[in-house]
C-alpha cells in the first residue's frame, strides 16, 4: 500500500478527511438540489426521462420489425437536437441494443438503480483517497451530469462501466456502445482480460452487420456534430480521478 502525503500524521489526516468529506457532501447536496429543482419543473429544458423514453421506444420499434433509426436520419442532413414534439433522434450504434432491449420489459426504475449500484461498487473497490472526494464531487457539477440523470441518458451506464473499468481492468470495452467515449474504453488494455472482453463485444456486434451501415449514414448526416461529442468526458473523468487516488491496489493497477 502506497503512502500518501496526507497520511504522515493521524491528527492531520483526520482533519483533512473531515474537511474533504464536508466539501464533497456540500457539492453533492448542490447537485441533488439542482436535480430535484429541474425534475419538479424548475427548468423545462430538462424533460424527465426523455432520453430513456426515446431510446426505449426506438428499441421497441426495432423489436416490432421497424427501424432503429428514423427515416429522416437516413435520407439526408438532419438536426441532432429535435424541437419539442418532434421525433426523438437516436445516434447510438446498434451495439446499444444489447443494453436497451431488456429494459423494454424491465421496470423503468432499474434503468437508474442498476448503473448507480454498479458505479458505487466500482468506486468502493478503489477506496479513493479523501483528497479525491471534492474533485470527484466538483466534476459531478458539470451540467451534463444532472441532465443525464434527469433525462435517463445512457451516459449513466457509461459512467458505471467506467467505474468498473478502473477497478477491474476488463470492462472498458463495454463503453464502446457510446463510441465518443472510446478513449476511456482503453483503460485496462494492458491486461489479457481486456482483450477477451473486446473480443466478446466484437462478437456481440456481428448480428447487426447491416445496421452498422445505417449507423455510419446516420452519423454522417448529423448536423451539427460539434462539442456535444465530448460533453460526457467530465463524467468519465470521475472514476479516473478515483483511480489516481486509490488507496487499495485494484485489478486495473496490477
C-alpha atoms as a PDB file:
ATOM      1  CA  UNK A   1       0.000   0.000   0.000  1.00  0.00           C
ATOM      2  CA  UNK A   2       1.420   3.312  -1.042  1.00  0.00           C
ATOM      3  CA  UNK A   3       1.970   6.129   1.419  1.00  0.00           C
ATOM      4  CA  UNK A   4       0.279   9.441   0.706  1.00  0.00           C
ATOM      5  CA  UNK A   5       1.443  12.888   1.831  1.00  0.00           C
ATOM      6  CA  UNK A   6      -1.631  13.410   3.996  1.00  0.00           C
ATOM      7  CA  UNK A   7      -1.104  10.146   5.915  1.00  0.00           C
ATOM      8  CA  UNK A   8       2.010  11.293   7.799  1.00  0.00           C
ATOM      9  CA  UNK A   9       0.107  12.396  10.890  1.00  0.00           C
ATOM     10  CA  UNK A  10      -3.089  10.861  12.265  1.00  0.00           C
ATOM     11  CA  UNK A  11      -4.497  14.172  13.565  1.00  0.00           C
ATOM     12  CA  UNK A  12      -3.778  15.990  10.317  1.00  0.00           C
ATOM     13  CA  UNK A  13      -5.234  13.101   8.374  1.00  0.00           C
ATOM     14  CA  UNK A  14      -8.430  13.190  10.426  1.00  0.00           C
ATOM     15  CA  UNK A  15      -8.805  16.937   9.921  1.00  0.00           C
ATOM     16  CA  UNK A  16      -8.211  16.608   6.212  1.00  0.00           C
ATOM     17  CA  UNK A  17     -10.767  13.808   5.898  1.00  0.00           C
ATOM     18  CA  UNK A  18     -13.373  15.905   7.732  1.00  0.00           C
ATOM     19  CA  UNK A  19     -12.810  18.924   5.508  1.00  0.00           C
ATOM     20  CA  UNK A  20     -12.732  16.850   2.327  1.00  0.00           C
ATOM     21  CA  UNK A  21     -15.889  14.960   3.225  1.00  0.00           C
ATOM     22  CA  UNK A  22     -17.757  18.170   4.089  1.00  0.00           C
ATOM     23  CA  UNK A  23     -16.747  19.804   0.819  1.00  0.00           C
ATOM     24  CA  UNK A  24     -17.769  16.694  -1.118  1.00  0.00           C
ATOM     25  CA  UNK A  25     -21.101  16.431   0.705  1.00  0.00           C
ATOM     26  CA  UNK A  26     -21.769  20.111   0.098  1.00  0.00           C
ATOM     27  CA  UNK A  27     -21.152  19.747  -3.613  1.00  0.00           C
ATOM     28  CA  UNK A  28     -23.322  16.624  -3.779  1.00  0.00           C
ATOM     29  CA  UNK A  29     -26.090  18.477  -1.903  1.00  0.00           C
ATOM     30  CA  UNK A  30     -25.987  21.248  -4.518  1.00  0.00           C
ATOM     31  CA  UNK A  31     -26.131  18.610  -7.230  1.00  0.00           C
ATOM     32  CA  UNK A  32     -29.126  16.891  -5.609  1.00  0.00           C
ATOM     33  CA  UNK A  33     -30.953  20.212  -5.191  1.00  0.00           C
ATOM     34  CA  UNK A  34     -30.303  21.005  -8.840  1.00  0.00           C
ATOM     35  CA  UNK A  35     -31.711  17.671  -9.996  1.00  0.00           C
ATOM     36  CA  UNK A  36     -34.789  17.939  -7.753  1.00  0.00           C
ATOM     37  CA  UNK A  37     -35.469  21.511  -8.857  1.00  0.00           C
ATOM     38  CA  UNK A  38     -35.403  20.627 -12.539  1.00  0.00           C
ATOM     39  CA  UNK A  39     -37.426  17.436 -12.013  1.00  0.00           C
ATOM     40  CA  UNK A  40     -40.293  19.350 -10.391  1.00  0.00           C
ATOM     41  CA  UNK A  41     -40.448  21.718 -13.336  1.00  0.00           C
ATOM     42  CA  UNK A  42     -37.893  24.353 -12.498  1.00  0.00           C
ATOM     43  CA  UNK A  43     -36.216  24.080 -15.887  1.00  0.00           C
ATOM     44  CA  UNK A  44     -38.246  22.979 -18.891  1.00  0.00           C
ATOM     45  CA  UNK A  45     -35.081  22.282 -20.866  1.00  0.00           C
ATOM     46  CA  UNK A  46     -34.662  19.009 -18.999  1.00  0.00           C
ATOM     47  CA  UNK A  47     -37.743  16.784 -19.549  1.00  0.00           C
ATOM     48  CA  UNK A  48     -37.775  13.914 -17.109  1.00  0.00           C
ATOM     49  CA  UNK A  49     -36.639  10.581 -18.605  1.00  0.00           C
ATOM     50  CA  UNK A  50     -36.877  11.891 -22.189  1.00  0.00           C
ATOM     51  CA  UNK A  51     -33.707  10.111 -23.355  1.00  0.00           C
ATOM     52  CA  UNK A  52     -34.745   6.842 -21.723  1.00  0.00           C
ATOM     53  CA  UNK A  53     -38.209   7.020 -23.287  1.00  0.00           C
ATOM     54  CA  UNK A  54     -36.830   7.846 -26.751  1.00  0.00           C
ATOM     55  CA  UNK A  55     -34.287   5.031 -26.668  1.00  0.00           C
ATOM     56  CA  UNK A  56     -36.779   2.534 -25.289  1.00  0.00           C
ATOM     57  CA  UNK A  57     -39.371   3.459 -27.942  1.00  0.00           C
ATOM     58  CA  UNK A  58     -36.804   3.153 -30.738  1.00  0.00           C
ATOM     59  CA  UNK A  59     -35.806  -0.265 -29.412  1.00  0.00           C
ATOM     60  CA  UNK A  60     -39.413  -1.413 -29.120  1.00  0.00           C
ATOM     61  CA  UNK A  61     -39.955  -0.225 -32.702  1.00  0.00           C
ATOM     62  CA  UNK A  62     -36.960  -2.265 -33.832  1.00  0.00           C
ATOM     63  CA  UNK A  63     -38.214  -5.364 -31.994  1.00  0.00           C
ATOM     64  CA  UNK A  64     -41.545  -4.939 -33.786  1.00  0.00           C
ATOM     65  CA  UNK A  65     -39.791  -5.022 -37.158  1.00  0.00           C
ATOM     66  CA  UNK A  66     -39.319  -1.308 -37.709  1.00  0.00           C
ATOM     67  CA  UNK A  67     -36.127   0.736 -37.943  1.00  0.00           C
ATOM     68  CA  UNK A  68     -33.959   1.689 -35.004  1.00  0.00           C
ATOM     69  CA  UNK A  69     -33.173   4.985 -36.742  1.00  0.00           C
ATOM     70  CA  UNK A  70     -35.734   7.388 -38.191  1.00  0.00           C
ATOM     71  CA  UNK A  71     -36.108   7.626 -41.988  1.00  0.00           C
ATOM     72  CA  UNK A  72     -35.174  11.315 -41.865  1.00  0.00           C
ATOM     73  CA  UNK A  73     -31.784  10.370 -40.406  1.00  0.00           C
ATOM     74  CA  UNK A  74     -31.033   8.151 -43.389  1.00  0.00           C
ATOM     75  CA  UNK A  75     -32.470  10.490 -46.017  1.00  0.00           C
ATOM     76  CA  UNK A  76     -30.038  13.381 -45.628  1.00  0.00           C
ATOM     77  CA  UNK A  77     -28.732  16.045 -43.224  1.00  0.00           C
ATOM     78  CA  UNK A  78     -30.858  16.441 -40.102  1.00  0.00           C
ATOM     79  CA  UNK A  79     -30.765  18.398 -36.841  1.00  0.00           C
ATOM     80  CA  UNK A  80     -29.413  16.361 -33.946  1.00  0.00           C
ATOM     81  CA  UNK A  81     -31.409  18.421 -31.439  1.00  0.00           C
ATOM     82  CA  UNK A  82     -35.083  17.910 -32.243  1.00  0.00           C
ATOM     83  CA  UNK A  83     -37.583  20.598 -31.293  1.00  0.00           C
ATOM     84  CA  UNK A  84     -40.278  19.812 -28.691  1.00  0.00           C
ATOM     85  CA  UNK A  85     -42.828  17.459 -30.212  1.00  0.00           C
ATOM     86  CA  UNK A  86     -40.501  16.289 -32.989  1.00  0.00           C
ATOM     87  CA  UNK A  87     -39.454  12.625 -33.260  1.00  0.00           C
ATOM     88  CA  UNK A  88     -36.546  11.820 -30.984  1.00  0.00           C
ATOM     89  CA  UNK A  89     -33.178  11.396 -32.625  1.00  0.00           C
ATOM     90  CA  UNK A  90     -31.204   8.219 -31.836  1.00  0.00           C
ATOM     91  CA  UNK A  91     -27.481   8.353 -32.569  1.00  0.00           C
ATOM     92  CA  UNK A  92     -26.289   5.256 -30.742  1.00  0.00           C
ATOM     93  CA  UNK A  93     -24.719   2.362 -32.642  1.00  0.00           C
ATOM     94  CA  UNK A  94     -26.670  -0.915 -32.895  1.00  0.00           C
ATOM     95  CA  UNK A  95     -24.428  -2.303 -30.153  1.00  0.00           C
ATOM     96  CA  UNK A  96     -26.541  -0.277 -27.696  1.00  0.00           C
ATOM     97  CA  UNK A  97     -29.456  -2.616 -28.348  1.00  0.00           C
ATOM     98  CA  UNK A  98     -27.862  -5.226 -26.084  1.00  0.00           C
ATOM     99  CA  UNK A  99     -28.179  -2.723 -23.255  1.00  0.00           C
ATOM    100  CA  UNK A 100     -31.635  -1.363 -24.017  1.00  0.00           C
ATOM    101  CA  UNK A 101     -33.617  -4.428 -25.173  1.00  0.00           C
ATOM    102  CA  UNK A 102     -34.003  -5.856 -21.624  1.00  0.00           C
ATOM    103  CA  UNK A 103     -35.480  -2.533 -20.472  1.00  0.00           C
ATOM    104  CA  UNK A 104     -38.328  -2.823 -22.934  1.00  0.00           C
ATOM    105  CA  UNK A 105     -39.601  -5.427 -20.470  1.00  0.00           C
ATOM    106  CA  UNK A 106     -37.956  -4.493 -17.150  1.00  0.00           C
ATOM    107  CA  UNK A 107     -39.271  -1.831 -14.724  1.00  0.00           C
ATOM    108  CA  UNK A 108     -38.088   1.627 -15.731  1.00  0.00           C
ATOM    109  CA  UNK A 109     -36.657   2.335 -12.264  1.00  0.00           C
ATOM    110  CA  UNK A 110     -33.918  -0.240 -12.858  1.00  0.00           C
ATOM    111  CA  UNK A 111     -32.538   1.946 -15.659  1.00  0.00           C
ATOM    112  CA  UNK A 112     -31.366   4.322 -12.900  1.00  0.00           C
ATOM    113  CA  UNK A 113     -30.869   1.905  -9.989  1.00  0.00           C
ATOM    114  CA  UNK A 114     -28.547  -0.564 -11.721  1.00  0.00           C
ATOM    115  CA  UNK A 115     -25.925   1.878 -13.100  1.00  0.00           C
ATOM    116  CA  UNK A 116     -25.864   3.753  -9.790  1.00  0.00           C
ATOM    117  CA  UNK A 117     -25.243   0.500  -7.947  1.00  0.00           C
ATOM    118  CA  UNK A 118     -22.529  -0.628 -10.371  1.00  0.00           C
ATOM    119  CA  UNK A 119     -20.792   2.747 -10.172  1.00  0.00           C
ATOM    120  CA  UNK A 120     -20.884   2.703  -6.368  1.00  0.00           C
ATOM    121  CA  UNK A 121     -19.441  -0.821  -6.345  1.00  0.00           C
ATOM    122  CA  UNK A 122     -16.600   0.164  -8.691  1.00  0.00           C
ATOM    123  CA  UNK A 123     -15.664   3.211  -6.624  1.00  0.00           C
ATOM    124  CA  UNK A 124     -15.947   1.223  -3.391  1.00  0.00           C
ATOM    125  CA  UNK A 125     -13.398  -1.280  -4.719  1.00  0.00           C
ATOM    126  CA  UNK A 126     -10.975   1.562  -5.439  1.00  0.00           C
ATOM    127  CA  UNK A 127     -11.168   3.129  -1.961  1.00  0.00           C
ATOM    128  CA  UNK A 128     -10.439   6.648  -3.335  1.00  0.00           C
ATOM    129  CA  UNK A 129      -8.307   8.808  -1.062  1.00  0.00           C
ATOM    130  CA  UNK A 130     -10.081  11.705   0.719  1.00  0.00           C
ATOM    131  CA  UNK A 131      -8.337  14.297  -1.442  1.00  0.00           C
ATOM    132  CA  UNK A 132     -10.198  12.905  -4.457  1.00  0.00           C
ATOM    133  CA  UNK A 133     -13.688  13.359  -2.979  1.00  0.00           C
ATOM    134  CA  UNK A 134     -14.041  17.126  -3.542  1.00  0.00           C
ATOM    135  CA  UNK A 135     -12.589  16.757  -7.040  1.00  0.00           C
ATOM    136  CA  UNK A 136     -14.981  13.969  -8.000  1.00  0.00           C
ATOM    137  CA  UNK A 137     -17.921  15.846  -6.488  1.00  0.00           C
ATOM    138  CA  UNK A 138     -16.938  19.005  -8.377  1.00  0.00           C
ATOM    139  CA  UNK A 139     -16.818  17.095 -11.661  1.00  0.00           C
ATOM    140  CA  UNK A 140     -20.347  15.920 -10.856  1.00  0.00           C
ATOM    141  CA  UNK A 141     -21.453  19.567 -11.024  1.00  0.00           C
ATOM    142  CA  UNK A 142     -20.784  19.622 -14.759  1.00  0.00           C
ATOM    143  CA  UNK A 143     -24.238  20.491 -16.216  1.00  0.00           C
ATOM    144  CA  UNK A 144     -24.282  17.344 -18.307  1.00  0.00           C
ATOM    145  CA  UNK A 145     -24.222  15.149 -15.176  1.00  0.00           C
ATOM    146  CA  UNK A 146     -27.582  16.170 -13.644  1.00  0.00           C
ATOM    147  CA  UNK A 147     -29.005  16.369 -17.147  1.00  0.00           C
ATOM    148  CA  UNK A 148     -28.009  12.743 -17.792  1.00  0.00           C
ATOM    149  CA  UNK A 149     -29.677  11.613 -14.552  1.00  0.00           C
ATOM    150  CA  UNK A 150     -32.872  13.566 -15.190  1.00  0.00           C
ATOM    151  CA  UNK A 151     -33.177  12.503 -18.806  1.00  0.00           C
ATOM    152  CA  UNK A 152     -32.201   8.896 -18.194  1.00  0.00           C
ATOM    153  CA  UNK A 153     -29.356   9.247 -20.684  1.00  0.00           C
ATOM    154  CA  UNK A 154     -27.189   6.143 -21.308  1.00  0.00           C
ATOM    155  CA  UNK A 155     -24.277   8.240 -20.082  1.00  0.00           C
ATOM    156  CA  UNK A 156     -25.267   6.869 -16.649  1.00  0.00           C
ATOM    157  CA  UNK A 157     -24.364   3.400 -17.889  1.00  0.00           C
ATOM    158  CA  UNK A 158     -21.153   4.690 -19.433  1.00  0.00           C
ATOM    159  CA  UNK A 159     -20.231   6.133 -16.038  1.00  0.00           C
ATOM    160  CA  UNK A 160     -20.978   2.787 -14.374  1.00  0.00           C
ATOM    161  CA  UNK A 161     -18.848   0.904 -16.902  1.00  0.00           C
ATOM    162  CA  UNK A 162     -16.084   3.465 -16.412  1.00  0.00           C
ATOM    163  CA  UNK A 163     -16.133   2.950 -12.639  1.00  0.00           C
ATOM    164  CA  UNK A 164     -15.946  -0.800 -13.143  1.00  0.00           C
ATOM    165  CA  UNK A 165     -13.166  -0.438 -15.724  1.00  0.00           C
ATOM    166  CA  UNK A 166     -10.825   1.366 -13.323  1.00  0.00           C
ATOM    167  CA  UNK A 167     -11.417  -1.231 -10.607  1.00  0.00           C
ATOM    168  CA  UNK A 168     -11.486  -4.462 -12.644  1.00  0.00           C
ATOM    169  CA  UNK A 169      -9.428  -3.629 -15.781  1.00  0.00           C
ATOM    170  CA  UNK A 170     -11.609  -5.630 -18.170  1.00  0.00           C
ATOM    171  CA  UNK A 171     -14.954  -3.811 -18.515  1.00  0.00           C
ATOM    172  CA  UNK A 172     -13.587  -0.914 -20.580  1.00  0.00           C
ATOM    173  CA  UNK A 173     -14.798  -2.357 -23.925  1.00  0.00           C
ATOM    174  CA  UNK A 174     -18.379  -2.071 -22.680  1.00  0.00           C
ATOM    175  CA  UNK A 175     -18.017   1.686 -23.161  1.00  0.00           C
ATOM    176  CA  UNK A 176     -17.927   1.156 -26.918  1.00  0.00           C
ATOM    177  CA  UNK A 177     -21.727   1.277 -27.007  1.00  0.00           C
ATOM    178  CA  UNK A 178     -21.054   5.035 -26.890  1.00  0.00           C
ATOM    179  CA  UNK A 179     -18.242   5.483 -29.479  1.00  0.00           C
ATOM    180  CA  UNK A 180     -17.393   9.051 -28.438  1.00  0.00           C
ATOM    181  CA  UNK A 181     -16.075   7.597 -25.172  1.00  0.00           C
ATOM    182  CA  UNK A 182     -13.680   5.188 -26.906  1.00  0.00           C
ATOM    183  CA  UNK A 183     -10.566   6.751 -25.255  1.00  0.00           C
ATOM    184  CA  UNK A 184     -11.908   5.703 -21.833  1.00  0.00           C
ATOM    185  CA  UNK A 185     -12.636   2.214 -23.157  1.00  0.00           C
ATOM    186  CA  UNK A 186      -8.862   1.706 -23.496  1.00  0.00           C
ATOM    187  CA  UNK A 187      -8.420   1.566 -19.725  1.00  0.00           C
ATOM    188  CA  UNK A 188      -7.098  -1.882 -18.900  1.00  0.00           C
ATOM    189  CA  UNK A 189      -5.889  -2.632 -22.444  1.00  0.00           C
ATOM    190  CA  UNK A 190      -2.585  -3.803 -20.949  1.00  0.00           C
ATOM    191  CA  UNK A 191      -4.380  -6.820 -19.458  1.00  0.00           C
ATOM    192  CA  UNK A 192      -5.308 -10.024 -21.287  1.00  0.00           C
ATOM    193  CA  UNK A 193      -8.813  -9.922 -19.798  1.00  0.00           C
ATOM    194  CA  UNK A 194      -9.468  -6.627 -21.549  1.00  0.00           C
ATOM    195  CA  UNK A 195      -8.764  -8.207 -24.924  1.00  0.00           C
ATOM    196  CA  UNK A 196     -11.073 -11.111 -24.114  1.00  0.00           C
ATOM    197  CA  UNK A 197     -13.813  -8.597 -23.264  1.00  0.00           C
ATOM    198  CA  UNK A 198     -13.108  -6.718 -26.507  1.00  0.00           C
ATOM    199  CA  UNK A 199     -13.485  -9.952 -28.473  1.00  0.00           C
ATOM    200  CA  UNK A 200     -16.840 -10.604 -26.779  1.00  0.00           C
ATOM    201  CA  UNK A 201     -18.032  -7.083 -27.620  1.00  0.00           C
ATOM    202  CA  UNK A 202     -16.927  -7.592 -31.237  1.00  0.00           C
ATOM    203  CA  UNK A 203     -18.911 -10.842 -31.405  1.00  0.00           C
ATOM    204  CA  UNK A 204     -21.916  -9.058 -29.913  1.00  0.00           C
ATOM    205  CA  UNK A 205     -21.733  -6.519 -32.775  1.00  0.00           C
ATOM    206  CA  UNK A 206     -21.840  -9.159 -35.519  1.00  0.00           C
ATOM    207  CA  UNK A 207     -25.629  -9.758 -35.536  1.00  0.00           C
ATOM    208  CA  UNK A 208     -26.114  -6.107 -36.523  1.00  0.00           C
ATOM    209  CA  UNK A 209     -23.824  -6.005 -39.564  1.00  0.00           C
ATOM    210  CA  UNK A 210     -26.444  -4.407 -41.833  1.00  0.00           C
ATOM    211  CA  UNK A 211     -27.392  -1.841 -39.196  1.00  0.00           C
ATOM    212  CA  UNK A 212     -23.804  -0.664 -38.893  1.00  0.00           C
ATOM    213  CA  UNK A 213     -24.013   0.707 -42.443  1.00  0.00           C
ATOM    214  CA  UNK A 214     -27.128   2.647 -41.420  1.00  0.00           C
ATOM    215  CA  UNK A 215     -25.300   3.928 -38.357  1.00  0.00           C
ATOM    216  CA  UNK A 216     -22.467   5.311 -40.487  1.00  0.00           C
ATOM    217  CA  UNK A 217     -25.031   7.176 -42.623  1.00  0.00           C
ATOM    218  CA  UNK A 218     -26.804   8.475 -39.506  1.00  0.00           C
ATOM    219  CA  UNK A 219     -23.561   9.875 -38.087  1.00  0.00           C
ATOM    220  CA  UNK A 220     -22.529  11.358 -41.413  1.00  0.00           C
ATOM    221  CA  UNK A 221     -25.890  13.115 -41.867  1.00  0.00           C
ATOM    222  CA  UNK A 222     -25.982  14.547 -38.342  1.00  0.00           C
ATOM    223  CA  UNK A 223     -25.949  18.364 -38.159  1.00  0.00           C
ATOM    224  CA  UNK A 224     -24.245  19.772 -36.203  1.00  0.00           C
ATOM    225  CA  UNK A 225     -21.571  17.440 -34.862  1.00  0.00           C
ATOM    226  CA  UNK A 226     -19.929  19.936 -32.526  1.00  0.00           C
ATOM    227  CA  UNK A 227     -18.758  19.897 -28.928  1.00  0.00           C
ATOM    228  CA  UNK A 228     -21.639  17.714 -27.738  1.00  0.00           C
ATOM    229  CA  UNK A 229     -19.478  14.763 -28.776  1.00  0.00           C
ATOM    230  CA  UNK A 230     -17.254  15.477 -25.770  1.00  0.00           C
ATOM    231  CA  UNK A 231     -19.838  16.578 -23.205  1.00  0.00           C
ATOM    232  CA  UNK A 232     -19.683  13.285 -21.267  1.00  0.00           C
ATOM    233  CA  UNK A 233     -15.928  13.462 -20.695  1.00  0.00           C
ATOM    234  CA  UNK A 234     -16.105  15.234 -17.290  1.00  0.00           C
ATOM    235  CA  UNK A 235     -18.453  12.470 -16.103  1.00  0.00           C
ATOM    236  CA  UNK A 236     -15.966   9.775 -17.130  1.00  0.00           C
ATOM    237  CA  UNK A 237     -13.116  11.684 -15.505  1.00  0.00           C
ATOM    238  CA  UNK A 238     -14.712  10.998 -12.100  1.00  0.00           C
ATOM    239  CA  UNK A 239     -13.590   7.340 -11.962  1.00  0.00           C
ATOM    240  CA  UNK A 240     -10.214   8.331 -13.425  1.00  0.00           C
ATOM    241  CA  UNK A 241      -9.663  10.729 -10.501  1.00  0.00           C
ATOM    242  CA  UNK A 242     -10.725   7.962  -8.122  1.00  0.00           C
ATOM    243  CA  UNK A 243      -8.222   5.602  -9.730  1.00  0.00           C
ATOM    244  CA  UNK A 244      -5.401   8.144  -9.483  1.00  0.00           C
ATOM    245  CA  UNK A 245      -6.073   8.499  -5.749  1.00  0.00           C
ATOM    246  CA  UNK A 246      -6.881   4.879  -4.954  1.00  0.00           C
ATOM    247  CA  UNK A 247      -5.868   3.602  -1.509  1.00  0.00           C
ATOM    248  CA  UNK A 248      -6.391  -0.049  -2.345  1.00  0.00           C
ATOM    249  CA  UNK A 249      -4.487  -1.500  -5.330  1.00  0.00           C
ATOM    250  CA  UNK A 250      -7.070  -2.534  -7.922  1.00  0.00           C
ATOM    251  CA  UNK A 251      -7.028  -5.017 -10.726  1.00  0.00           C
ATOM    252  CA  UNK A 252      -6.518  -2.102 -13.081  1.00  0.00           C
ATOM    253  CA  UNK A 253      -3.283  -1.218 -11.309  1.00  0.00           C
ATOM    254  CA  UNK A 254      -1.807  -4.695 -11.124  1.00  0.00           C
END
